[in-house]
C-alpha cells in the first residue's frame, strides 16, 4: 500500500466520475456529494489501491478511467459497502 497511489487515485477525475456514476446507479440522492464523501474510502480499499498502483507502475496514462485496471465490479463492491441506503 502506498499513500502516494491512494492520493493519486482519490484525485483522479476519471476515477471520481466512475465512482459518481456508481453512486447514481445505486440510488444516491446527490451522487456527486456521495462520491465526494466516499472517494477516499474507495481509493484506499486494498483491491483498488493495488490495481491502481500496478497501473501507475506500468505507466498506464489513464488508470482511473481504464476499466481493465479498476473494474466496475470493484468500484460497486466498495461503494455498496460504504453508501448509506437511500
PDB file of N, CA and C in Angstrom:
ATOM      1  N   UNK A   1       0.847  -1.182   0.000  1.00  0.00           N
ATOM      2  CA  UNK A   1       0.000   0.000   0.000  1.00  0.00           C
ATOM      3  C   UNK A   1       0.882   1.232   0.000  1.00  0.00           C
ATOM      4  N   UNK A   2       0.468   2.229  -0.753  1.00  0.00           N
ATOM      5  CA  UNK A   2       1.211   3.472  -0.849  1.00  0.00           C
ATOM      6  C   UNK A   2       0.253   4.640  -0.673  1.00  0.00           C
ATOM      7  N   UNK A   3       0.597   5.515   0.232  1.00  0.00           N
ATOM      8  CA  UNK A   3      -0.231   6.719   0.391  1.00  0.00           C
ATOM      9  C   UNK A   3      -0.210   7.551  -0.880  1.00  0.00           C
ATOM     10  N   UNK A   4       0.905   7.516  -1.607  1.00  0.00           N
ATOM     11  CA  UNK A   4       1.005   8.278  -2.852  1.00  0.00           C
ATOM     12  C   UNK A   4       0.002   7.771  -3.887  1.00  0.00           C
ATOM     13  N   UNK A   5      -0.130   6.451  -4.025  1.00  0.00           N
ATOM     14  CA  UNK A   5      -1.079   5.929  -5.016  1.00  0.00           C
ATOM     15  C   UNK A   5      -2.523   6.164  -4.578  1.00  0.00           C
ATOM     16  N   UNK A   6      -2.796   6.096  -3.294  1.00  0.00           N
ATOM     17  CA  UNK A   6      -4.144   6.405  -2.798  1.00  0.00           C
ATOM     18  C   UNK A   6      -4.480   7.861  -3.098  1.00  0.00           C
ATOM     19  N   UNK A   7      -3.527   8.747  -2.833  1.00  0.00           N
ATOM     20  CA  UNK A   7      -3.714  10.169  -3.092  1.00  0.00           C
ATOM     21  C   UNK A   7      -3.977  10.416  -4.572  1.00  0.00           C
ATOM     22  N   UNK A   8      -3.190   9.793  -5.439  1.00  0.00           N
ATOM     23  CA  UNK A   8      -3.383   9.965  -6.879  1.00  0.00           C
ATOM     24  C   UNK A   8      -4.743   9.436  -7.322  1.00  0.00           C
ATOM     25  N   UNK A   9      -5.133   8.296  -6.802  1.00  0.00           N
ATOM     26  CA  UNK A   9      -6.419   7.707  -7.165  1.00  0.00           C
ATOM     27  C   UNK A   9      -7.566   8.608  -6.704  1.00  0.00           C
ATOM     28  N   UNK A  10      -7.500   9.100  -5.479  1.00  0.00           N
ATOM     29  CA  UNK A  10      -8.569   9.955  -4.947  1.00  0.00           C
ATOM     30  C   UNK A  10      -8.693  11.259  -5.724  1.00  0.00           C
ATOM     31  N   UNK A  11      -7.598  11.723  -6.315  1.00  0.00           N
ATOM     32  CA  UNK A  11      -7.625  12.953  -7.088  1.00  0.00           C
ATOM     33  C   UNK A  11      -7.804  12.756  -8.585  1.00  0.00           C
ATOM     34  N   UNK A  12      -8.002  11.536  -9.010  1.00  0.00           N
ATOM     35  CA  UNK A  12      -8.141  11.202 -10.434  1.00  0.00           C
ATOM     36  C   UNK A  12      -9.571  11.519 -10.880  1.00  0.00           C
ATOM     37  N   UNK A  13      -9.704  12.508 -11.764  1.00  0.00           N
ATOM     38  CA  UNK A  13     -11.034  12.954 -12.201  1.00  0.00           C
ATOM     39  C   UNK A  13     -11.836  11.838 -12.871  1.00  0.00           C
ATOM     40  N   UNK A  14     -11.174  11.018 -13.664  1.00  0.00           N
ATOM     41  CA  UNK A  14     -11.883   9.920 -14.333  1.00  0.00           C
ATOM     42  C   UNK A  14     -12.392   8.907 -13.306  1.00  0.00           C
ATOM     43  N   UNK A  15     -11.572   8.617 -12.304  1.00  0.00           N
ATOM     44  CA  UNK A  15     -11.992   7.679 -11.274  1.00  0.00           C
ATOM     45  C   UNK A  15     -13.151   8.259 -10.462  1.00  0.00           C
ATOM     46  N   UNK A  16     -13.059   9.528 -10.106  1.00  0.00           N
ATOM     47  CA  UNK A  16     -14.154  10.174  -9.381  1.00  0.00           C
ATOM     48  C   UNK A  16     -15.435  10.126 -10.199  1.00  0.00           C
ATOM     49  N   UNK A  17     -15.332  10.329 -11.497  1.00  0.00           N
ATOM     50  CA  UNK A  17     -16.511  10.237 -12.355  1.00  0.00           C
ATOM     51  C   UNK A  17     -17.140   8.864 -12.334  1.00  0.00           C
ATOM     52  N   UNK A  18     -16.307   7.842 -12.325  1.00  0.00           N
ATOM     53  CA  UNK A  18     -16.827   6.469 -12.279  1.00  0.00           C
ATOM     54  C   UNK A  18     -17.477   6.172 -10.932  1.00  0.00           C
ATOM     55  N   UNK A  19     -16.887   6.659  -9.855  1.00  0.00           N
ATOM     56  CA  UNK A  19     -17.490   6.465  -8.526  1.00  0.00           C
ATOM     57  C   UNK A  19     -18.804   7.231  -8.444  1.00  0.00           C
ATOM     58  N   UNK A  20     -18.854   8.422  -9.015  1.00  0.00           N
ATOM     59  CA  UNK A  20     -20.093   9.213  -9.035  1.00  0.00           C
ATOM     60  C   UNK A  20     -21.183   8.479  -9.810  1.00  0.00           C
ATOM     61  N   UNK A  21     -20.829   7.929 -10.961  1.00  0.00           N
ATOM     62  CA  UNK A  21     -21.807   7.170 -11.757  1.00  0.00           C
ATOM     63  C   UNK A  21     -22.330   5.974 -10.969  1.00  0.00           C
ATOM     64  N   UNK A  22     -21.452   5.318 -10.244  1.00  0.00           N
ATOM     65  CA  UNK A  22     -21.860   4.180  -9.421  1.00  0.00           C
ATOM     66  C   UNK A  22     -22.836   4.638  -8.339  1.00  0.00           C
ATOM     67  N   UNK A  23     -22.509   5.750  -7.674  1.00  0.00           N
ATOM     68  CA  UNK A  23     -23.402   6.271  -6.630  1.00  0.00           C
ATOM     69  C   UNK A  23     -24.773   6.606  -7.205  1.00  0.00           C
ATOM     70  N   UNK A  24     -24.787   7.169  -8.413  1.00  0.00           N
ATOM     71  CA  UNK A  24     -26.064   7.492  -9.061  1.00  0.00           C
ATOM     72  C   UNK A  24     -26.864   6.228  -9.324  1.00  0.00           C
ATOM     73  N   UNK A  25     -26.203   5.221  -9.856  1.00  0.00           N
ATOM     74  CA  UNK A  25     -26.894   3.979 -10.178  1.00  0.00           C
ATOM     75  C   UNK A  25     -27.370   3.258  -8.909  1.00  0.00           C
ATOM     76  N   UNK A  26     -26.671   3.481  -7.815  1.00  0.00           N
ATOM     77  CA  UNK A  26     -27.058   2.851  -6.552  1.00  0.00           C
ATOM     78  C   UNK A  26     -28.110   3.656  -5.785  1.00  0.00           C
ATOM     79  N   UNK A  27     -28.581   4.765  -6.366  1.00  0.00           N
ATOM     80  CA  UNK A  27     -29.705   5.498  -5.788  1.00  0.00           C
ATOM     81  C   UNK A  27     -29.345   6.633  -4.852  1.00  0.00           C
ATOM     82  N   UNK A  28     -28.113   7.106  -4.876  1.00  0.00           N
ATOM     83  CA  UNK A  28     -27.747   8.236  -4.030  1.00  0.00           C
ATOM     84  C   UNK A  28     -28.579   9.449  -4.416  1.00  0.00           C
ATOM     85  N   UNK A  29     -29.042  10.198  -3.437  1.00  0.00           N
ATOM     86  CA  UNK A  29     -29.854  11.384  -3.688  1.00  0.00           C
ATOM     87  C   UNK A  29     -29.030  12.446  -4.421  1.00  0.00           C
ATOM     88  N   UNK A  30     -27.802  12.640  -4.006  1.00  0.00           N
ATOM     89  CA  UNK A  30     -26.884  13.600  -4.630  1.00  0.00           C
ATOM     90  C   UNK A  30     -25.594  12.857  -4.980  1.00  0.00           C
ATOM     91  N   UNK A  31     -25.549  12.230  -6.148  1.00  0.00           N
ATOM     92  CA  UNK A  31     -24.394  11.398  -6.497  1.00  0.00           C
ATOM     93  C   UNK A  31     -23.033  12.084  -6.382  1.00  0.00           C
ATOM     94  N   UNK A  32     -22.860  13.337  -6.847  1.00  0.00           N
ATOM     95  CA  UNK A  32     -21.546  13.960  -6.689  1.00  0.00           C
ATOM     96  C   UNK A  32     -21.146  14.141  -5.223  1.00  0.00           C
ATOM     97  N   UNK A  33     -22.100  14.491  -4.389  1.00  0.00           N
ATOM     98  CA  UNK A  33     -21.817  14.655  -2.966  1.00  0.00           C
ATOM     99  C   UNK A  33     -21.483  13.304  -2.329  1.00  0.00           C
ATOM    100  N   UNK A  34     -22.254  12.281  -2.678  1.00  0.00           N
ATOM    101  CA  UNK A  34     -21.996  10.940  -2.137  1.00  0.00           C
ATOM    102  C   UNK A  34     -20.619  10.447  -2.567  1.00  0.00           C
ATOM    103  N   UNK A  35     -20.269  10.655  -3.833  1.00  0.00           N
ATOM    104  CA  UNK A  35     -18.955  10.227  -4.325  1.00  0.00           C
ATOM    105  C   UNK A  35     -17.844  10.987  -3.601  1.00  0.00           C
ATOM    106  N   UNK A  36     -18.040  12.276  -3.388  1.00  0.00           N
ATOM    107  CA  UNK A  36     -17.053  13.067  -2.655  1.00  0.00           C
ATOM    108  C   UNK A  36     -16.843  12.558  -1.240  1.00  0.00           C
ATOM    109  N   UNK A  37     -17.925  12.115  -0.621  1.00  0.00           N
ATOM    110  CA  UNK A  37     -17.825  11.565   0.735  1.00  0.00           C
ATOM    111  C   UNK A  37     -17.107  10.212   0.757  1.00  0.00           C
ATOM    112  N   UNK A  38     -17.217   9.456  -0.332  1.00  0.00           N
ATOM    113  CA  UNK A  38     -16.681   8.093  -0.364  1.00  0.00           C
ATOM    114  C   UNK A  38     -15.332   7.944  -1.052  1.00  0.00           C
ATOM    115  N   UNK A  39     -14.890   8.952  -1.795  1.00  0.00           N
ATOM    116  CA  UNK A  39     -13.742   8.764  -2.677  1.00  0.00           C
ATOM    117  C   UNK A  39     -12.498   8.282  -1.942  1.00  0.00           C
ATOM    118  N   UNK A  40     -12.237   8.768  -0.744  1.00  0.00           N
ATOM    119  CA  UNK A  40     -11.038   8.332  -0.020  1.00  0.00           C
ATOM    120  C   UNK A  40     -11.178   6.898   0.465  1.00  0.00           C
ATOM    121  N   UNK A  41     -12.362   6.509   0.897  1.00  0.00           N
ATOM    122  CA  UNK A  41     -12.577   5.129   1.343  1.00  0.00           C
ATOM    123  C   UNK A  41     -12.439   4.158   0.175  1.00  0.00           C
ATOM    124  N   UNK A  42     -13.020   4.526  -0.962  1.00  0.00           N
ATOM    125  CA  UNK A  42     -12.961   3.661  -2.137  1.00  0.00           C
ATOM    126  C   UNK A  42     -11.526   3.605  -2.668  1.00  0.00           C
ATOM    127  N   UNK A  43     -10.875   4.746  -2.738  1.00  0.00           N
ATOM    128  CA  UNK A  43      -9.496   4.798  -3.252  1.00  0.00           C
ATOM    129  C   UNK A  43      -8.516   4.015  -2.389  1.00  0.00           C
ATOM    130  N   UNK A  44      -8.780   3.954  -1.099  1.00  0.00           N
ATOM    131  CA  UNK A  44      -7.859   3.252  -0.203  1.00  0.00           C
ATOM    132  C   UNK A  44      -8.235   1.795   0.036  1.00  0.00           C
ATOM    133  N   UNK A  45      -9.294   1.314  -0.603  1.00  0.00           N
ATOM    134  CA  UNK A  45      -9.642  -0.110  -0.493  1.00  0.00           C
ATOM    135  C   UNK A  45      -8.473  -0.930  -1.041  1.00  0.00           C
ATOM    136  N   UNK A  46      -8.092  -1.992  -0.354  1.00  0.00           N
ATOM    137  CA  UNK A  46      -6.897  -2.748  -0.757  1.00  0.00           C
ATOM    138  C   UNK A  46      -6.899  -3.207  -2.221  1.00  0.00           C
ATOM    139  N   UNK A  47      -8.033  -3.683  -2.724  1.00  0.00           N
ATOM    140  CA  UNK A  47      -8.055  -4.162  -4.108  1.00  0.00           C
ATOM    141  C   UNK A  47      -7.892  -3.020  -5.108  1.00  0.00           C
ATOM    142  N   UNK A  48      -8.532  -1.904  -4.824  1.00  0.00           N
ATOM    143  CA  UNK A  48      -8.440  -0.760  -5.732  1.00  0.00           C
ATOM    144  C   UNK A  48      -7.053  -0.132  -5.663  1.00  0.00           C
ATOM    145  N   UNK A  49      -6.529   0.041  -4.473  1.00  0.00           N
ATOM    146  CA  UNK A  49      -5.196   0.636  -4.338  1.00  0.00           C
ATOM    147  C   UNK A  49      -4.152  -0.202  -5.047  1.00  0.00           C
ATOM    148  N   UNK A  50      -4.220  -1.512  -4.893  1.00  0.00           N
ATOM    149  CA  UNK A  50      -3.236  -2.404  -5.523  1.00  0.00           C
ATOM    150  C   UNK A  50      -3.330  -2.328  -7.052  1.00  0.00           C
ATOM    151  N   UNK A  51      -4.537  -2.330  -7.581  1.00  0.00           N
ATOM    152  CA  UNK A  51      -4.719  -2.257  -9.031  1.00  0.00           C
ATOM    153  C   UNK A  51      -4.251  -0.914  -9.574  1.00  0.00           C
ATOM    154  N   UNK A  52      -4.586   0.136  -8.871  1.00  0.00           N
ATOM    155  CA  UNK A  52      -4.201   1.479  -9.310  1.00  0.00           C
ATOM    156  C   UNK A  52      -2.682   1.634  -9.258  1.00  0.00           C
ATOM    157  N   UNK A  53      -2.063   1.187  -8.182  1.00  0.00           N
ATOM    158  CA  UNK A  53      -0.606   1.274  -8.043  1.00  0.00           C
ATOM    159  C   UNK A  53       0.093   0.473  -9.137  1.00  0.00           C
ATOM    160  N   UNK A  54      -0.436  -0.686  -9.464  1.00  0.00           N
ATOM    161  CA  UNK A  54       0.138  -1.504 -10.524  1.00  0.00           C
ATOM    162  C   UNK A  54       0.054  -0.781 -11.869  1.00  0.00           C
ATOM    163  N   UNK A  55      -1.065  -0.125 -12.119  1.00  0.00           N
ATOM    164  CA  UNK A  55      -1.225   0.620 -13.368  1.00  0.00           C
ATOM    165  C   UNK A  55      -0.264   1.803 -13.431  1.00  0.00           C
ATOM    166  N   UNK A  56      -0.060   2.457 -12.296  1.00  0.00           N
ATOM    167  CA  UNK A  56       0.912   3.553 -12.266  1.00  0.00           C
ATOM    168  C   UNK A  56       2.304   3.031 -12.580  1.00  0.00           C
ATOM    169  N   UNK A  57       2.664   1.909 -11.987  1.00  0.00           N
ATOM    170  CA  UNK A  57       3.983   1.318 -12.220  1.00  0.00           C
ATOM    171  C   UNK A  57       4.172   0.913 -13.687  1.00  0.00           C
ATOM    172  N   UNK A  58       3.075   0.557 -14.348  1.00  0.00           N
ATOM    173  CA  UNK A  58       3.126   0.157 -15.756  1.00  0.00           C
ATOM    174  C   UNK A  58       2.978   1.359 -16.693  1.00  0.00           C
ATOM    175  N   UNK A  59       2.956   2.567 -16.112  1.00  0.00           N
ATOM    176  CA  UNK A  59       2.825   3.806 -16.892  1.00  0.00           C
ATOM    177  C   UNK A  59       1.522   3.905 -17.675  1.00  0.00           C
ATOM    178  N   UNK A  60       0.449   3.349 -17.119  1.00  0.00           N
ATOM    179  CA  UNK A  60      -0.866   3.490 -17.740  1.00  0.00           C
ATOM    180  C   UNK A  60      -1.231   4.979 -17.695  1.00  0.00           C
ATOM    181  N   UNK A  61      -1.562   5.592 -18.825  1.00  0.00           N
ATOM    182  CA  UNK A  61      -1.842   7.024 -18.839  1.00  0.00           C
ATOM    183  C   UNK A  61      -3.194   7.420 -18.231  1.00  0.00           C
ATOM    184  N   UNK A  62      -4.077   6.464 -18.016  1.00  0.00           N
ATOM    185  CA  UNK A  62      -5.421   6.764 -17.508  1.00  0.00           C
ATOM    186  C   UNK A  62      -5.897   5.660 -16.569  1.00  0.00           C
ATOM    187  N   UNK A  63      -5.207   5.439 -15.462  1.00  0.00           N
ATOM    188  CA  UNK A  63      -5.574   4.310 -14.606  1.00  0.00           C
ATOM    189  C   UNK A  63      -6.974   4.403 -14.013  1.00  0.00           C
ATOM    190  N   UNK A  64      -7.433   5.602 -13.689  1.00  0.00           N
ATOM    191  CA  UNK A  64      -8.761   5.741 -13.093  1.00  0.00           C
ATOM    192  C   UNK A  64      -9.898   5.593 -14.076  1.00  0.00           C
ATOM    193  N   UNK A  65      -9.624   5.820 -15.340  1.00  0.00           N
ATOM    194  CA  UNK A  65     -10.661   5.697 -16.352  1.00  0.00           C
ATOM    195  C   UNK A  65     -10.632   4.383 -17.098  1.00  0.00           C
ATOM    196  N   UNK A  66      -9.624   3.582 -16.822  1.00  0.00           N
ATOM    197  CA  UNK A  66      -9.440   2.312 -17.532  1.00  0.00           C
ATOM    198  C   UNK A  66     -10.142   1.186 -16.776  1.00  0.00           C
ATOM    199  N   UNK A  67     -11.257   0.668 -17.309  1.00  0.00           N
ATOM    200  CA  UNK A  67     -11.999  -0.377 -16.602  1.00  0.00           C
ATOM    201  C   UNK A  67     -11.286  -1.725 -16.546  1.00  0.00           C
ATOM    202  N   UNK A  68     -10.144  -1.849 -17.230  1.00  0.00           N
ATOM    203  CA  UNK A  68      -9.358  -3.074 -17.086  1.00  0.00           C
ATOM    204  C   UNK A  68      -8.402  -2.973 -15.907  1.00  0.00           C
ATOM    205  N   UNK A  69      -8.215  -1.776 -15.369  1.00  0.00           N
ATOM    206  CA  UNK A  69      -7.370  -1.571 -14.180  1.00  0.00           C
ATOM    207  C   UNK A  69      -8.224  -1.742 -12.943  1.00  0.00           C
ATOM    208  N   UNK A  70      -9.171  -0.845 -12.762  1.00  0.00           N
ATOM    209  CA  UNK A  70     -10.145  -0.935 -11.669  1.00  0.00           C
ATOM    210  C   UNK A  70     -11.472  -1.234 -12.341  1.00  0.00           C
ATOM    211  N   UNK A  71     -11.995  -2.412 -12.097  1.00  0.00           N
ATOM    212  CA  UNK A  71     -13.236  -2.817 -12.758  1.00  0.00           C
ATOM    213  C   UNK A  71     -14.446  -2.131 -12.123  1.00  0.00           C
ATOM    214  N   UNK A  72     -15.529  -2.085 -12.883  1.00  0.00           N
ATOM    215  CA  UNK A  72     -16.768  -1.545 -12.336  1.00  0.00           C
ATOM    216  C   UNK A  72     -17.225  -2.358 -11.126  1.00  0.00           C
ATOM    217  N   UNK A  73     -17.015  -3.656 -11.161  1.00  0.00           N
ATOM    218  CA  UNK A  73     -17.414  -4.508 -10.037  1.00  0.00           C
ATOM    219  C   UNK A  73     -16.623  -4.154  -8.774  1.00  0.00           C
ATOM    220  N   UNK A  74     -15.342  -3.838  -8.925  1.00  0.00           N
ATOM    221  CA  UNK A  74     -14.535  -3.424  -7.773  1.00  0.00           C
ATOM    222  C   UNK A  74     -15.099  -2.135  -7.175  1.00  0.00           C
ATOM    223  N   UNK A  75     -15.431  -1.183  -8.039  1.00  0.00           N
ATOM    224  CA  UNK A  75     -15.999   0.075  -7.554  1.00  0.00           C
ATOM    225  C   UNK A  75     -17.333  -0.188  -6.878  1.00  0.00           C
ATOM    226  N   UNK A  76     -18.201  -0.950  -7.528  1.00  0.00           N
ATOM    227  CA  UNK A  76     -19.520  -1.254  -6.976  1.00  0.00           C
ATOM    228  C   UNK A  76     -19.421  -1.910  -5.609  1.00  0.00           C
ATOM    229  N   UNK A  77     -18.569  -2.895  -5.475  1.00  0.00           N
ATOM    230  CA  UNK A  77     -18.436  -3.593  -4.192  1.00  0.00           C
ATOM    231  C   UNK A  77     -18.022  -2.646  -3.079  1.00  0.00           C
ATOM    232  N   UNK A  78     -17.110  -1.742  -3.386  1.00  0.00           N
ATOM    233  CA  UNK A  78     -16.647  -0.810  -2.359  1.00  0.00           C
ATOM    234  C   UNK A  78     -17.652   0.299  -2.085  1.00  0.00           C
ATOM    235  N   UNK A  79     -18.351   0.780  -3.103  1.00  0.00           N
ATOM    236  CA  UNK A  79     -19.373   1.791  -2.881  1.00  0.00           C
ATOM    237  C   UNK A  79     -20.512   1.194  -2.059  1.00  0.00           C
ATOM    238  N   UNK A  80     -20.968   0.003  -2.419  1.00  0.00           N
ATOM    239  CA  UNK A  80     -22.077  -0.612  -1.675  1.00  0.00           C
ATOM    240  C   UNK A  80     -21.721  -0.823  -0.208  1.00  0.00           C
ATOM    241  N   UNK A  81     -20.459  -1.056   0.058  1.00  0.00           N
ATOM    242  CA  UNK A  81     -20.032  -1.259   1.444  1.00  0.00           C
ATOM    243  C   UNK A  81     -20.028   0.002   2.279  1.00  0.00           C
ATOM    244  N   UNK A  82     -20.086   1.172   1.630  1.00  0.00           N
ATOM    245  CA  UNK A  82     -19.993   2.424   2.364  1.00  0.00           C
ATOM    246  C   UNK A  82     -21.166   3.380   2.138  1.00  0.00           C
ATOM    247  N   UNK A  83     -21.930   3.189   1.067  1.00  0.00           N
ATOM    248  CA  UNK A  83     -23.008   4.104   0.734  1.00  0.00           C
ATOM    249  C   UNK A  83     -24.223   3.839   1.623  1.00  0.00           C
ATOM    250  N   UNK A  84     -24.680   4.877   2.335  1.00  0.00           N
ATOM    251  CA  UNK A  84     -25.898   4.668   3.141  1.00  0.00           C
ATOM    252  C   UNK A  84     -27.098   4.416   2.242  1.00  0.00           C
ATOM    253  N   UNK A  85     -28.065   3.668   2.711  1.00  0.00           N
ATOM    254  CA  UNK A  85     -29.254   3.403   1.889  1.00  0.00           C
ATOM    255  C   UNK A  85     -29.985   4.694   1.568  1.00  0.00           C
ATOM    256  N   UNK A  86     -30.607   4.761   0.381  1.00  0.00           N
ATOM    257  CA  UNK A  86     -31.334   6.000   0.005  1.00  0.00           C
ATOM    258  C   UNK A  86     -32.568   6.210   0.854  1.00  0.00           C
TER     259      UNK A  86
END
